[in-house]
Amino acid sequence: MQHPALLSRLLLEHAPMALVMLDVQDEVLWANAGFLGMLGMGGDDLIGRRLTDIVRMVSWLPVQREVEVLSEGPRWQRIWLASDGLEASRMVLMSEVIPESAPAGVAKLLAFVDLHGGQAEEVPPFSDPSTGLASQWVFEDRLRHAIERADRHDQPLAVLLVRLDRADEVRQAYGEQAMQTLLAQVSRRLTGTLRGEDSIAYLGDDRWAVLIEHPVSPESLQAAALRCLEAMEAPFSLGRPPLLLTLSIGIAIYPEDGITSEQLMGRAGQALGQAYPAGHAFFDRGLKQMLSQRMALRHSLQEALLCPGRHFVVAYQPQIDLASGGCVGAEALVRWRHPERGMLPPHEFLPMVVEMAQMIRLDRWVIEQVIEQHERWQVAGAPLSELTISVNLDASLLEQSVFDGRPLDRFLRQSCGELGWLALEIDGRVLSSQADTHSLLLRRLSRMGVQLVVDNLGGAPVDLIRLAMLPVTRGKIGRELVHGLKDSSPFARQALSALSQCLKALQLGSTMVGVETVDELAAARNKGIDRVQGNLLGPPMAADALVTWLGDHPDGPVPMEP
């Protein structure tokens, strides 16, 4: 009984504080009687389980300032502790110790001291009394659940940490009571600025936290931060003269900047430390530069869209019939002739055009260019006038009044007489969801001879049965599924085979895009695809170059199957 090891164990077992030892996975290796008693659990229910699966530990202190106060010895943090074994949450002190010479497998030791003893029935407030906003307890709980949702759906989320600038000066000049009134006014302005689905809480220490879930992008987060800053432009009434105030905002994004709520809040705090008054900063400083570059690109794009004929060109990529090996059509693809970066492909600017709600303008211009080019081919007697020309169409063009009050079918009829050569490709997800809304217009287009193609199959679930009830003639398998053929997983090949069989059963033709390798071409043949398109067969090219290319490949670039 006098052995040092036994004495040490007795000391730990009966220490006046709760102790728990964890491994690198946060699984419980050992816990003393104090910790088991605090949770109302037995050792068998605890050992080997992740501590976070058993207890919930939520910090009840305001987020720490950027300048940490260094102190010797363990750092104690006041937290609220909750678990299924506890009737109510309780406030405790917690300290984390990382042993320097611990046995193998031991990562850290947590120590807890109960602060309230017999007052365990007390629970933290759910709202801040001065601002009426959710409390930090509620916010951190929401943040943990949001991280779990984001992880399940593979989506980002973000935390904005907002600080009132010159708060100490205002408090000293006007007093604490006036400051509480001011905090409530700022809270109302922030709440009115944010979306209804965003979560905002007052953390104390003249700070707020905002949780933003899907959709999240650097651009949308910057826009949200700027709206919060703009909400402070009107003066506050605390006396004479009116008071002008500003905010600083730090932004952290999950999972790039942190994978736990503690990490994310800490990184948002570090970003806040880098933010100037009346400004915002990302934890990833490179995002600010990237956004600045995107804003410049956006400005150039806005100017280009005002006069598309001077800045955009249409290229044509051949579509090859696998049965004959010959060229049976071409897809019209828009390119932006950027003054500094040269010719930009669609994926580098079309998402921004969608954000700017200008796809109608650009698509209308592309259709006009394709119609004029087809007329020139007809006049010249070029073989291309006999081929099908496909144009990607944004679903917004299906609305009845987008062409200066003219529906799409009327616009096409007034622009061109015979339209049997034209195919319009519409994203399958959008077409499936809006089938009932636009079915009459689609049928009018079909009666005019226009071919309708369901685009982007394989990228997301679509209702093919519902689409088959529309006058569509062909399904187009997107690059996402085609590029998956390079992986060793059989999923992409199985999905391609299933799509091909389904399209055949519905008596729809099939086209596979993005074919860049011989293996992908072989897969298209083996799975019964009708047509293929890709750089392996022919890259996008100008109209004149396509005429030359077709003359050089009278039988097509693909040899017929033996």
Protein backbone atom coordinates (compact mmCIF):
# COMPACT_ATOMS: atom_id res chain seq x y z
CA MET A 1 0.00 0.00 0.00
CA GLN A 2 3.03 2.30 0.31
CA HIS A 3 4.11 1.85 -3.34
CA PRO A 4 4.32 5.25 -5.11
CA ALA A 5 2.24 4.04 -8.05
CA LEU A 6 -0.56 2.88 -5.74
CA LEU A 7 -0.43 6.10 -3.76
CA SER A 8 -0.63 8.13 -7.00
CA ARG A 9 -3.63 6.15 -8.18
CA LEU A 10 -5.41 6.56 -4.83
CA LEU A 11 -4.72 10.28 -4.99
CA LEU A 12 -6.21 10.57 -8.48
CA GLU A 13 -9.18 8.34 -7.68
CA HIS A 14 -10.16 10.42 -4.67
CA ALA A 15 -9.01 13.85 -5.82
CA PRO A 16 -11.41 16.69 -4.95
CA MET A 17 -11.92 17.37 -8.67
CA ALA A 18 -13.25 15.36 -11.59
CA LEU A 19 -10.55 13.92 -13.85
CA VAL A 20 -10.77 12.17 -17.24
CA MET A 21 -7.93 10.91 -19.46
CA LEU A 22 -8.31 10.86 -23.26
CA ASP A 23 -6.43 9.43 -26.23
CA VAL A 24 -5.75 11.18 -29.55
CA GLN A 25 -9.26 10.29 -30.76
CA ASP A 26 -10.79 11.90 -27.65
CA GLU A 27 -11.85 8.46 -26.44
CA VAL A 28 -11.96 7.97 -22.67
CA LEU A 29 -9.08 5.89 -21.29
CA TRP A 30 -9.77 6.45 -17.61
CA ALA A 31 -11.97 8.57 -15.35
CA ASN A 32 -11.96 8.99 -11.58
CA ALA A 33 -14.92 8.68 -9.27
CA GLY A 34 -15.43 12.44 -9.22
CA PHE A 35 -16.00 12.57 -12.98
CA LEU A 36 -18.28 9.52 -12.97
CA GLY A 37 -20.29 11.02 -10.16
CA MET A 38 -20.54 14.37 -11.92
CA LEU A 39 -22.09 12.68 -14.97
CA GLY A 40 -24.08 10.10 -13.03
CA MET A 41 -22.55 7.28 -15.06
CA GLY A 42 -20.60 4.12 -14.44
CA GLY A 43 -17.13 3.39 -15.76
CA ASP A 44 -18.38 0.69 -18.13
CA ASP A 45 -20.63 3.26 -19.84
CA LEU A 46 -17.75 5.66 -20.35
CA ILE A 47 -14.48 3.87 -21.10
CA GLY A 48 -13.71 3.56 -24.82
CA ARG A 49 -16.28 6.10 -25.94
CA ARG A 50 -15.61 9.53 -27.41
CA LEU A 51 -16.12 12.16 -24.77
CA THR A 52 -18.01 14.42 -27.19
CA ASP A 53 -20.54 11.63 -27.75
CA ILE A 54 -21.33 11.64 -24.05
CA VAL A 55 -21.11 15.23 -22.84
CA ARG A 56 -21.63 18.64 -24.38
CA MET A 57 -19.26 21.34 -23.25
CA VAL A 58 -20.21 24.88 -24.23
CA SER A 59 -18.08 27.87 -23.35
CA TRP A 60 -19.90 30.53 -21.38
CA LEU A 61 -17.22 33.19 -21.62
CA PRO A 62 -17.08 35.86 -24.33
CA VAL A 63 -14.75 34.96 -27.18
CA GLN A 64 -11.22 35.73 -26.03
CA ARG A 65 -9.50 38.81 -27.35
CA GLU A 66 -6.77 38.46 -29.92
CA VAL A 67 -4.04 39.31 -27.38
CA GLU A 68 -3.82 36.36 -25.05
CA VAL A 69 -2.76 36.94 -21.45
CA LEU A 70 0.05 34.58 -20.66
CA SER A 71 -0.05 32.97 -17.23
CA GLU A 72 1.82 30.19 -15.57
CA GLY A 73 0.16 26.88 -14.75
CA PRO A 74 -2.99 25.37 -16.24
CA ARG A 75 -5.56 27.66 -17.80
CA TRP A 76 -9.07 27.27 -16.39
CA GLN A 77 -12.10 27.97 -18.54
CA ARG A 78 -15.64 28.39 -17.28
CA ILE A 79 -18.02 26.20 -19.31
CA TRP A 80 -21.50 24.72 -19.16
CA LEU A 81 -21.53 20.95 -18.99
CA ALA A 82 -24.49 18.88 -20.19
CA SER A 83 -25.09 15.17 -20.76
CA ASP A 84 -27.93 12.70 -20.94
CA GLY A 85 -27.09 11.58 -17.41
CA LEU A 86 -27.53 15.07 -15.96
CA GLU A 87 -30.95 16.41 -15.12
CA ALA A 88 -29.82 19.94 -15.97
CA SER A 89 -26.76 21.72 -17.26
CA ARG A 90 -24.21 22.90 -14.72
CA MET A 91 -21.43 25.42 -14.71
CA VAL A 92 -17.93 24.05 -14.09
CA LEU A 93 -14.33 25.05 -14.44
CA MET A 94 -12.31 22.98 -16.89
CA SER A 95 -8.58 22.78 -17.46
CA GLU A 96 -6.76 20.80 -20.14
CA VAL A 97 -3.32 19.35 -19.45
CA ILE A 98 -1.14 17.73 -22.10
CA PRO A 99 1.38 15.56 -20.23
CA GLU A 100 4.97 15.83 -21.43
CA SER A 101 5.97 12.27 -20.53
CA ALA A 102 2.66 10.44 -20.59
CA PRO A 103 2.39 6.73 -21.40
CA ALA A 104 1.84 5.79 -25.03
CA GLY A 105 -1.70 6.52 -26.19
CA VAL A 106 -2.45 9.21 -23.59
CA ALA A 107 -3.14 12.54 -25.30
CA LYS A 108 -4.52 14.80 -22.56
CA LEU A 109 -6.04 15.02 -19.10
CA LEU A 110 -9.13 17.12 -18.40
CA ALA A 111 -9.87 18.38 -14.91
CA PHE A 112 -13.27 19.73 -13.80
CA VAL A 113 -14.34 21.68 -10.71
CA ASP A 114 -18.08 22.04 -10.01
CA LEU A 115 -18.87 25.70 -9.35
CA HIS A 116 -22.43 25.44 -8.13
CA GLY A 117 -22.66 22.23 -6.19
CA GLY A 118 -26.29 21.99 -5.15
CA GLN A 119 -27.49 24.56 -7.70
CA ALA A 120 -27.39 22.22 -10.68
CA GLU A 121 -30.99 23.14 -11.51
CA GLU A 122 -29.77 26.46 -12.91
CA VAL A 123 -29.58 26.59 -16.70
CA PRO A 124 -27.92 29.19 -18.88
CA PRO A 125 -30.11 31.91 -20.41
CA PHE A 126 -31.28 31.35 -23.95
CA SER A 127 -31.28 35.06 -24.83
CA ASP A 128 -29.23 38.08 -23.93
CA PRO A 129 -31.31 40.45 -21.74
CA SER A 130 -29.85 43.67 -23.20
CA THR A 131 -30.16 42.87 -26.91
CA GLY A 132 -32.87 40.20 -27.04
CA LEU A 133 -30.66 38.07 -29.29
CA ALA A 134 -29.79 34.43 -28.78
CA SER A 135 -27.18 33.84 -26.11
CA GLN A 136 -23.73 32.43 -26.68
CA TRP A 137 -24.95 29.13 -25.26
CA VAL A 138 -27.60 28.88 -27.99
CA PHE A 139 -25.22 30.09 -30.71
CA GLU A 140 -22.51 27.56 -29.96
CA ASP A 141 -25.11 24.79 -29.85
CA ARG A 142 -26.42 25.91 -33.25
CA LEU A 143 -22.89 26.09 -34.60
CA ARG A 144 -22.13 22.50 -33.54
CA HIS A 145 -25.29 21.22 -35.20
CA ALA A 146 -24.58 23.29 -38.32
CA ILE A 147 -21.10 21.77 -38.59
CA GLU A 148 -22.63 18.29 -38.38
CA ARG A 149 -25.09 19.17 -41.18
CA ALA A 150 -22.35 20.71 -43.30
CA ASP A 151 -20.21 17.61 -42.84
CA ARG A 152 -23.07 15.29 -43.87
CA HIS A 153 -23.93 17.29 -46.98
CA ASP A 154 -20.33 18.23 -47.84
CA GLN A 155 -21.16 21.94 -47.73
CA PRO A 156 -19.29 24.91 -46.27
CA LEU A 157 -20.52 27.31 -43.61
CA ALA A 158 -19.09 30.48 -42.13
CA VAL A 159 -18.85 32.44 -38.91
CA LEU A 160 -18.74 36.23 -38.89
CA LEU A 161 -17.40 37.78 -35.69
CA VAL A 162 -18.58 41.39 -35.42
CA ARG A 163 -17.07 44.02 -33.09
CA LEU A 164 -18.36 47.51 -32.30
CA ASP A 165 -15.52 49.95 -32.92
CA ARG A 166 -14.63 52.55 -30.24
CA ALA A 167 -16.98 50.86 -27.78
CA ASP A 168 -14.87 51.78 -24.74
CA GLU A 169 -14.83 55.46 -25.75
CA VAL A 170 -18.61 55.49 -26.19
CA ARG A 171 -19.14 53.74 -22.85
CA GLN A 172 -16.94 56.24 -21.07
CA ALA A 173 -18.61 59.24 -22.71
CA TYR A 174 -22.26 58.15 -22.40
CA GLY A 175 -22.34 55.65 -19.56
CA GLU A 176 -23.23 51.98 -19.28
CA GLN A 177 -26.99 52.44 -19.43
CA ALA A 178 -26.79 54.36 -22.70
CA MET A 179 -24.38 51.73 -24.00
CA GLN A 180 -26.93 48.98 -23.37
CA THR A 181 -29.49 50.96 -25.36
CA LEU A 182 -26.96 51.36 -28.16
CA LEU A 183 -26.13 47.64 -28.23
CA ALA A 184 -29.83 46.86 -28.65
CA GLN A 185 -30.05 49.32 -31.58
CA VAL A 186 -26.99 47.80 -33.28
CA SER A 187 -28.47 44.33 -32.77
CA ARG A 188 -31.72 45.34 -34.46
CA ARG A 189 -29.86 46.77 -37.44
CA LEU A 190 -27.77 43.62 -37.85
CA THR A 191 -30.82 41.37 -37.54
CA GLY A 192 -32.65 43.39 -40.19
CA THR A 193 -29.68 43.16 -42.53
CA LEU A 194 -29.14 39.39 -42.38
CA ARG A 195 -31.24 36.66 -43.95
CA GLY A 196 -33.95 35.02 -41.90
CA GLU A 197 -32.09 31.70 -41.96
CA ASP A 198 -28.86 33.22 -40.58
CA SER A 199 -28.22 32.91 -36.83
CA ILE A 200 -26.99 35.90 -34.83
CA ALA A 201 -26.07 36.05 -31.15
CA TYR A 202 -24.66 38.64 -28.78
CA LEU A 203 -21.50 37.32 -27.16
CA GLY A 204 -20.88 40.11 -24.69
CA ASP A 205 -17.79 42.31 -24.77
CA ASP A 206 -19.46 44.45 -27.50
CA ARG A 207 -19.35 41.58 -29.99
CA TRP A 208 -21.77 39.59 -32.06
CA ALA A 209 -21.45 36.26 -33.87
CA VAL A 210 -23.26 35.39 -37.09
CA LEU A 211 -23.65 31.85 -38.47
CA ILE A 212 -24.20 31.60 -42.23
CA GLU A 213 -25.02 28.25 -43.81
CA HIS A 214 -25.55 27.10 -47.40
CA PRO A 215 -25.14 28.71 -49.85
CA VAL A 216 -21.71 30.00 -48.85
CA SER A 217 -19.03 31.51 -51.09
CA PRO A 218 -16.36 34.17 -50.55
CA GLU A 219 -18.45 36.55 -52.65
CA SER A 220 -21.65 35.98 -50.67
CA LEU A 221 -19.80 36.34 -47.36
CA GLN A 222 -18.19 39.58 -48.46
CA ALA A 223 -21.61 40.84 -49.55
CA ALA A 224 -23.07 39.93 -46.14
CA ALA A 225 -20.20 41.71 -44.35
CA LEU A 226 -20.64 44.82 -46.50
CA ARG A 227 -24.38 44.88 -45.75
CA CYS A 228 -23.62 44.78 -42.03
CA LEU A 229 -21.15 47.65 -42.40
CA GLU A 230 -23.65 49.68 -44.46
CA ALA A 231 -26.31 49.16 -41.79
CA MET A 232 -24.24 51.40 -39.50
CA GLU A 233 -24.15 54.37 -41.88
CA ALA A 234 -27.23 56.07 -40.40
CA PRO A 235 -26.38 57.96 -37.16
CA PHE A 236 -27.49 56.70 -33.74
CA SER A 237 -29.50 58.90 -31.39
CA LEU A 238 -27.90 59.00 -27.97
CA GLY A 239 -27.94 62.75 -27.59
CA ARG A 240 -26.54 65.71 -29.45
CA PRO A 241 -24.88 65.51 -31.91
CA PRO A 242 -26.00 62.17 -33.41
CA LEU A 243 -23.46 59.39 -32.97
CA LEU A 244 -21.73 57.75 -35.94
CA LEU A 245 -20.44 54.23 -35.30
CA THR A 246 -18.69 51.52 -37.30
CA LEU A 247 -18.10 47.79 -37.07
CA SER A 248 -15.17 45.47 -37.74
CA ILE A 249 -15.83 41.95 -39.00
CA GLY A 250 -13.71 38.79 -39.05
CA ILE A 251 -14.74 35.84 -41.23
CA ALA A 252 -13.82 32.16 -40.94
CA ILE A 253 -15.06 29.37 -43.23
CA TYR A 254 -15.68 25.68 -42.44
CA PRO A 255 -13.88 23.42 -43.16
CA GLU A 256 -10.97 25.37 -44.67
CA ASP A 257 -10.28 27.48 -41.58
CA GLY A 258 -11.35 25.04 -38.86
CA ILE A 259 -13.24 21.79 -38.36
CA THR A 260 -14.57 22.34 -34.83
CA SER A 261 -16.67 25.14 -33.39
CA GLU A 262 -13.79 26.17 -31.13
CA GLN A 263 -11.36 26.36 -34.06
CA LEU A 264 -13.82 28.24 -36.22
CA MET A 265 -14.58 30.84 -33.53
CA GLY A 266 -10.88 31.20 -32.79
CA ARG A 267 -10.02 31.74 -36.47
CA ALA A 268 -12.84 34.26 -36.84
CA GLY A 269 -11.34 36.06 -33.83
CA GLN A 270 -7.91 36.09 -35.47
CA ALA A 271 -9.45 37.48 -38.67
CA LEU A 272 -11.20 40.15 -36.60
CA GLY A 273 -7.82 41.13 -35.20
CA GLN A 274 -6.67 41.85 -38.78
CA ALA A 275 -9.75 43.87 -39.73
CA TYR A 276 -9.57 47.66 -39.81
CA PRO A 277 -12.37 49.78 -38.31
CA ALA A 278 -15.35 49.84 -40.69
CA GLY A 279 -13.77 46.92 -42.56
CA HIS A 280 -13.74 43.15 -42.80
CA ALA A 281 -11.07 40.47 -43.09
CA PHE A 282 -10.99 36.77 -43.91
CA PHE A 283 -8.86 34.37 -41.88
CA ASP A 284 -7.47 33.24 -45.24
CA ARG A 285 -5.92 36.49 -46.39
CA GLY A 286 -5.64 35.22 -49.96
CA LEU A 287 -9.44 35.40 -50.29
CA LYS A 288 -9.38 39.18 -50.14
CA GLN A 289 -6.98 39.36 -53.09
CA MET A 290 -8.98 36.76 -54.97
CA LEU A 291 -12.19 38.71 -54.42
CA SER A 292 -10.52 41.90 -55.59
CA GLN A 293 -9.48 40.16 -58.80
CA ARG A 294 -12.98 38.77 -59.26
CA MET A 295 -14.50 42.20 -58.76
CA ALA A 296 -12.24 43.57 -61.50
CA LEU A 297 -13.24 40.65 -63.75
CA ARG A 298 -16.89 41.27 -62.96
CA HIS A 299 -16.55 44.95 -63.89
CA SER A 300 -14.94 44.03 -67.22
CA LEU A 301 -17.67 41.46 -67.86
CA GLN A 302 -20.41 44.02 -67.21
CA GLU A 303 -18.88 46.30 -69.81
CA ALA A 304 -18.50 43.42 -72.29
CA LEU A 305 -22.15 42.41 -71.95
CA LEU A 306 -23.25 45.91 -72.95
CA CYS A 307 -21.73 45.33 -76.39
CA PRO A 308 -21.37 41.54 -76.81
CA GLY A 309 -20.47 41.70 -80.50
CA ARG A 310 -17.17 43.42 -79.67
CA HIS A 311 -16.15 41.11 -76.83
CA PHE A 312 -17.59 37.63 -77.41
CA VAL A 313 -17.17 35.07 -80.17
CA VAL A 314 -18.92 31.80 -80.96
CA ALA A 315 -16.90 28.62 -81.48
CA TYR A 316 -18.26 25.33 -82.83
CA GLN A 317 -17.32 21.83 -81.63
CA PRO A 318 -18.11 18.84 -83.91
CA GLN A 319 -20.50 16.11 -82.79
CA ILE A 320 -19.71 12.66 -84.21
CA ASP A 321 -22.09 9.81 -84.93
CA LEU A 322 -20.50 6.58 -83.69
CA ALA A 323 -22.38 4.35 -86.10
CA SER A 324 -21.09 6.08 -89.25
CA GLY A 325 -18.06 7.88 -87.83
CA GLY A 326 -19.14 11.09 -89.55
CA CYS A 327 -19.86 14.57 -88.26
CA VAL A 328 -23.61 15.06 -87.82
CA GLY A 329 -23.68 18.34 -85.91
CA ALA A 330 -21.85 20.93 -83.86
CA GLU A 331 -22.38 22.70 -80.56
CA ALA A 332 -22.11 26.48 -80.44
CA LEU A 333 -19.92 27.56 -77.51
CA VAL A 334 -19.40 31.16 -76.44
CA ARG A 335 -15.92 32.55 -75.71
CA TRP A 336 -14.99 35.87 -74.10
CA ARG A 337 -12.15 37.79 -75.74
CA HIS A 338 -10.73 39.37 -72.58
CA PRO A 339 -8.48 42.38 -73.26
CA GLU A 340 -5.72 41.14 -70.91
CA ARG A 341 -6.24 37.42 -70.34
CA GLY A 342 -7.05 36.46 -73.92
CA MET A 343 -9.75 33.99 -74.95
CA LEU A 344 -11.63 32.69 -71.88
CA PRO A 345 -13.67 29.44 -71.96
CA PRO A 346 -17.27 29.40 -70.65
CA HIS A 347 -16.55 27.98 -67.19
CA GLU A 348 -14.38 31.00 -66.34
CA PHE A 349 -17.12 33.59 -66.82
CA LEU A 350 -20.58 32.02 -67.29
CA PRO A 351 -21.14 31.44 -63.53
CA MET A 352 -20.53 35.15 -63.03
CA VAL A 353 -22.96 35.98 -65.84
CA VAL A 354 -25.58 33.87 -64.03
CA GLU A 355 -24.88 35.75 -60.77
CA MET A 356 -25.37 39.02 -62.61
CA ALA A 357 -28.69 37.75 -64.06
CA GLN A 358 -27.43 38.47 -67.60
CA MET A 359 -27.69 35.03 -69.19
CA ILE A 360 -30.76 36.14 -71.12
CA ARG A 361 -28.78 38.90 -72.80
CA LEU A 362 -25.83 36.64 -73.64
CA ASP A 363 -27.91 33.66 -74.79
CA ARG A 364 -30.02 35.90 -77.03
CA TRP A 365 -26.86 37.22 -78.67
CA VAL A 366 -25.48 33.68 -79.17
CA ILE A 367 -28.72 32.50 -80.82
CA GLU A 368 -28.69 35.52 -83.14
CA GLN A 369 -25.07 34.79 -84.12
CA VAL A 370 -25.80 31.12 -84.78
CA ILE A 371 -28.82 31.96 -86.95
CA GLU A 372 -26.81 34.49 -88.99
CA GLN A 373 -23.94 32.00 -89.40
CA HIS A 374 -26.31 29.26 -90.55
CA GLU A 375 -27.76 31.61 -93.14
CA ARG A 376 -24.24 32.35 -94.44
CA TRP A 377 -23.55 28.62 -94.72
CA GLN A 378 -26.79 28.15 -96.64
CA VAL A 379 -25.98 30.97 -99.07
CA ALA A 380 -22.50 29.52 -99.63
CA GLY A 381 -23.89 26.02 -100.08
CA ALA A 382 -21.60 24.72 -97.31
CA PRO A 383 -22.23 21.16 -96.04
CA LEU A 384 -22.51 22.61 -92.54
CA SER A 385 -25.92 24.01 -93.43
CA GLU A 386 -27.17 20.40 -93.43
CA LEU A 387 -25.92 19.66 -89.91
CA THR A 388 -27.64 20.17 -86.56
CA ILE A 389 -26.33 23.15 -84.59
CA SER A 390 -26.87 22.95 -80.83
CA VAL A 391 -27.08 25.96 -78.52
CA ASN A 392 -27.01 25.86 -74.71
CA LEU A 393 -30.07 27.65 -73.40
CA ASP A 394 -30.50 29.06 -69.91
CA ALA A 395 -33.92 28.14 -68.50
CA SER A 396 -34.70 31.82 -67.90
CA LEU A 397 -35.19 32.21 -71.68
CA LEU A 398 -38.24 29.97 -71.43
CA GLU A 399 -40.13 32.71 -69.60
CA GLN A 400 -42.81 34.29 -71.76
CA SER A 401 -41.57 37.89 -71.74
CA VAL A 402 -37.78 37.74 -71.88
CA PHE A 403 -37.31 38.78 -75.52
CA ASP A 404 -38.69 42.31 -75.29
CA GLY A 405 -42.10 40.86 -74.57
CA ARG A 406 -41.74 38.14 -77.22
CA PRO A 407 -41.82 34.47 -76.20
CA LEU A 408 -38.91 32.38 -77.40
CA ASP A 409 -40.88 30.67 -80.16
CA ARG A 410 -42.03 34.00 -81.61
CA PHE A 411 -38.49 35.38 -81.47
CA LEU A 412 -37.15 32.36 -83.37
CA ARG A 413 -39.94 32.46 -85.94
CA GLN A 414 -39.25 36.14 -86.66
CA SER A 415 -35.49 35.55 -86.84
CA CYS A 416 -35.43 32.48 -89.08
CA GLY A 417 -37.80 30.67 -91.39
CA GLU A 418 -36.89 26.98 -91.21
CA LEU A 419 -35.59 25.73 -87.87
CA GLY A 420 -35.18 21.98 -88.32
CA TRP A 421 -31.41 22.40 -88.03
CA LEU A 422 -31.52 24.03 -84.56
CA ALA A 423 -31.24 22.11 -81.29
CA LEU A 424 -31.71 23.80 -77.91
CA GLU A 425 -29.95 22.18 -74.94
CA ILE A 426 -31.56 22.79 -71.54
CA ASP A 427 -30.22 21.62 -68.18
CA GLY A 428 -32.07 18.47 -67.09
CA ARG A 429 -32.48 19.48 -63.45
CA VAL A 430 -34.12 22.78 -64.34
CA LEU A 431 -36.21 21.30 -67.11
CA SER A 432 -37.45 18.52 -64.83
CA SER A 433 -38.47 20.94 -62.07
CA GLN A 434 -40.18 23.36 -64.49
CA ALA A 435 -41.69 20.85 -66.90
CA ASP A 436 -45.29 21.80 -66.11
CA THR A 437 -44.60 25.53 -66.32
CA HIS A 438 -43.01 25.46 -69.78
CA SER A 439 -44.57 22.41 -71.41
CA LEU A 440 -46.76 24.45 -73.79
CA LEU A 441 -43.82 26.57 -75.01
CA LEU A 442 -41.68 23.46 -75.48
CA ARG A 443 -44.39 21.85 -77.59
CA ARG A 444 -44.71 24.98 -79.74
CA LEU A 445 -40.94 24.93 -80.30
CA SER A 446 -41.09 21.25 -81.25
CA ARG A 447 -43.86 21.91 -83.78
CA MET A 448 -41.60 24.53 -85.36
CA GLY A 449 -38.98 21.81 -85.93
CA VAL A 450 -36.64 22.83 -83.11
CA GLN A 451 -34.98 19.82 -81.47
CA LEU A 452 -34.95 19.82 -77.65
CA VAL A 453 -32.06 18.19 -75.79
CA VAL A 454 -31.87 17.38 -72.08
CA ASP A 455 -28.41 18.56 -71.03
CA ASN A 456 -26.09 17.63 -68.16
CA LEU A 457 -27.38 14.14 -67.40
CA GLY A 458 -25.36 12.27 -64.80
CA GLY A 459 -24.47 15.35 -62.78
CA ALA A 460 -27.54 15.29 -60.51
CA PRO A 461 -30.75 13.26 -60.17
CA VAL A 462 -33.44 14.08 -62.74
CA ASP A 463 -36.87 12.64 -63.44
CA LEU A 464 -36.28 11.04 -66.85
CA ILE A 465 -39.80 9.63 -67.02
CA ARG A 466 -41.22 13.11 -66.57
CA LEU A 467 -38.82 14.55 -69.12
CA ALA A 468 -39.80 11.87 -71.64
CA MET A 469 -43.37 13.22 -71.51
CA LEU A 470 -42.00 16.46 -72.99
CA PRO A 471 -41.13 16.76 -76.71
CA VAL A 472 -37.41 16.12 -76.13
CA THR A 473 -35.44 14.11 -78.67
CA ARG A 474 -32.06 13.52 -77.06
CA GLY A 475 -30.24 13.27 -73.74
CA LYS A 476 -26.74 14.64 -73.25
CA ILE A 477 -24.41 12.99 -70.72
CA GLY A 478 -22.29 15.61 -68.96
CA ARG A 479 -18.56 15.89 -68.32
CA GLU A 480 -18.85 15.06 -64.62
CA LEU A 481 -19.86 11.47 -65.32
CA VAL A 482 -17.54 11.12 -68.32
CA HIS A 483 -14.48 12.24 -66.35
CA GLY A 484 -15.41 9.72 -63.68
CA LEU A 485 -14.54 6.98 -66.17
CA LYS A 486 -10.87 7.66 -65.42
CA ASP A 487 -11.28 6.40 -61.85
CA SER A 488 -10.86 2.76 -60.95
CA SER A 489 -14.31 2.72 -59.31
CA PRO A 490 -16.90 0.93 -61.48
CA PHE A 491 -19.63 3.42 -60.51
CA ALA A 492 -19.14 5.75 -63.49
CA ARG A 493 -19.28 2.89 -66.02
CA GLN A 494 -22.34 1.41 -64.35
CA ALA A 495 -24.06 4.81 -64.32
CA LEU A 496 -23.17 5.40 -67.98
CA SER A 497 -24.57 2.01 -68.94
CA ALA A 498 -27.78 2.62 -66.98
CA LEU A 499 -28.27 6.07 -68.53
CA SER A 500 -27.70 4.74 -72.04
CA GLN A 501 -30.20 1.93 -71.56
CA CYS A 502 -32.75 4.27 -70.02
CA LEU A 503 -32.49 6.74 -72.90
CA LYS A 504 -32.91 3.91 -75.41
CA ALA A 505 -35.95 2.60 -73.57
CA LEU A 506 -37.49 6.07 -73.75
CA GLN A 507 -36.62 6.23 -77.48
CA LEU A 508 -34.30 9.19 -76.96
CA GLY A 509 -30.95 9.68 -78.66
CA SER A 510 -27.79 9.99 -76.56
CA THR A 511 -24.74 12.25 -76.76
CA MET A 512 -21.64 12.03 -74.56
CA VAL A 513 -19.53 15.19 -74.18
CA GLY A 514 -16.03 15.74 -72.85
CA VAL A 515 -14.49 12.75 -74.64
CA GLU A 516 -10.74 13.32 -74.35
CA THR A 517 -9.20 9.84 -74.26
CA VAL A 518 -9.38 6.67 -76.32
CA ASP A 519 -10.71 4.80 -73.27
CA GLU A 520 -13.62 7.23 -72.93
CA LEU A 521 -14.42 6.82 -76.62
CA ALA A 522 -14.32 3.03 -76.25
CA ALA A 523 -16.64 3.25 -73.23
CA ALA A 524 -19.12 5.30 -75.25
CA ARG A 525 -19.13 2.65 -77.99
CA ASN A 526 -19.44 -0.24 -75.53
CA LYS A 527 -22.36 1.38 -73.70
CA GLY A 528 -24.33 2.10 -76.87
CA ILE A 529 -24.00 5.89 -76.98
CA ASP A 530 -25.14 7.39 -80.32
CA ARG A 531 -23.00 10.51 -80.57
CA VAL A 532 -19.81 11.82 -78.95
CA GLN A 533 -18.20 15.21 -78.61
CA GLY A 534 -14.82 16.18 -77.21
CA ASN A 535 -11.29 17.40 -77.86
CA LEU A 536 -10.17 13.91 -78.87
CA LEU A 537 -12.41 14.17 -81.93
CA GLY A 538 -12.37 17.88 -82.65
CA PRO A 539 -11.82 20.97 -80.45
CA PRO A 540 -14.07 24.05 -80.49
CA MET A 541 -13.14 26.20 -83.48
CA ALA A 542 -14.24 29.27 -85.40
CA ALA A 543 -16.91 28.91 -88.10
CA ASP A 544 -14.42 29.19 -90.97
CA ALA A 545 -12.09 26.69 -89.33
CA LEU A 546 -15.00 24.27 -88.92
CA VAL A 547 -15.66 24.45 -92.68
CA THR A 548 -12.01 23.60 -93.35
CA TRP A 549 -12.03 20.85 -90.71
CA LEU A 550 -15.12 19.25 -92.23
CA GLY A 551 -13.47 19.31 -95.67
CA ASP A 552 -10.40 17.59 -94.26
CA HIS A 553 -12.57 14.91 -92.57
CA PRO A 554 -15.30 14.06 -95.10
CA ASP A 555 -15.88 10.69 -93.44
CA GLY A 556 -15.39 12.04 -89.92
CA PRO A 557 -12.48 11.67 -87.51
CA VAL A 558 -13.76 8.41 -86.01
CA PRO A 559 -13.19 5.18 -87.95
CA MET A 560 -16.20 2.94 -88.26
CA GLU A 561 -16.26 -0.15 -86.07
CA PRO A 562 -15.00 -3.25 -87.86
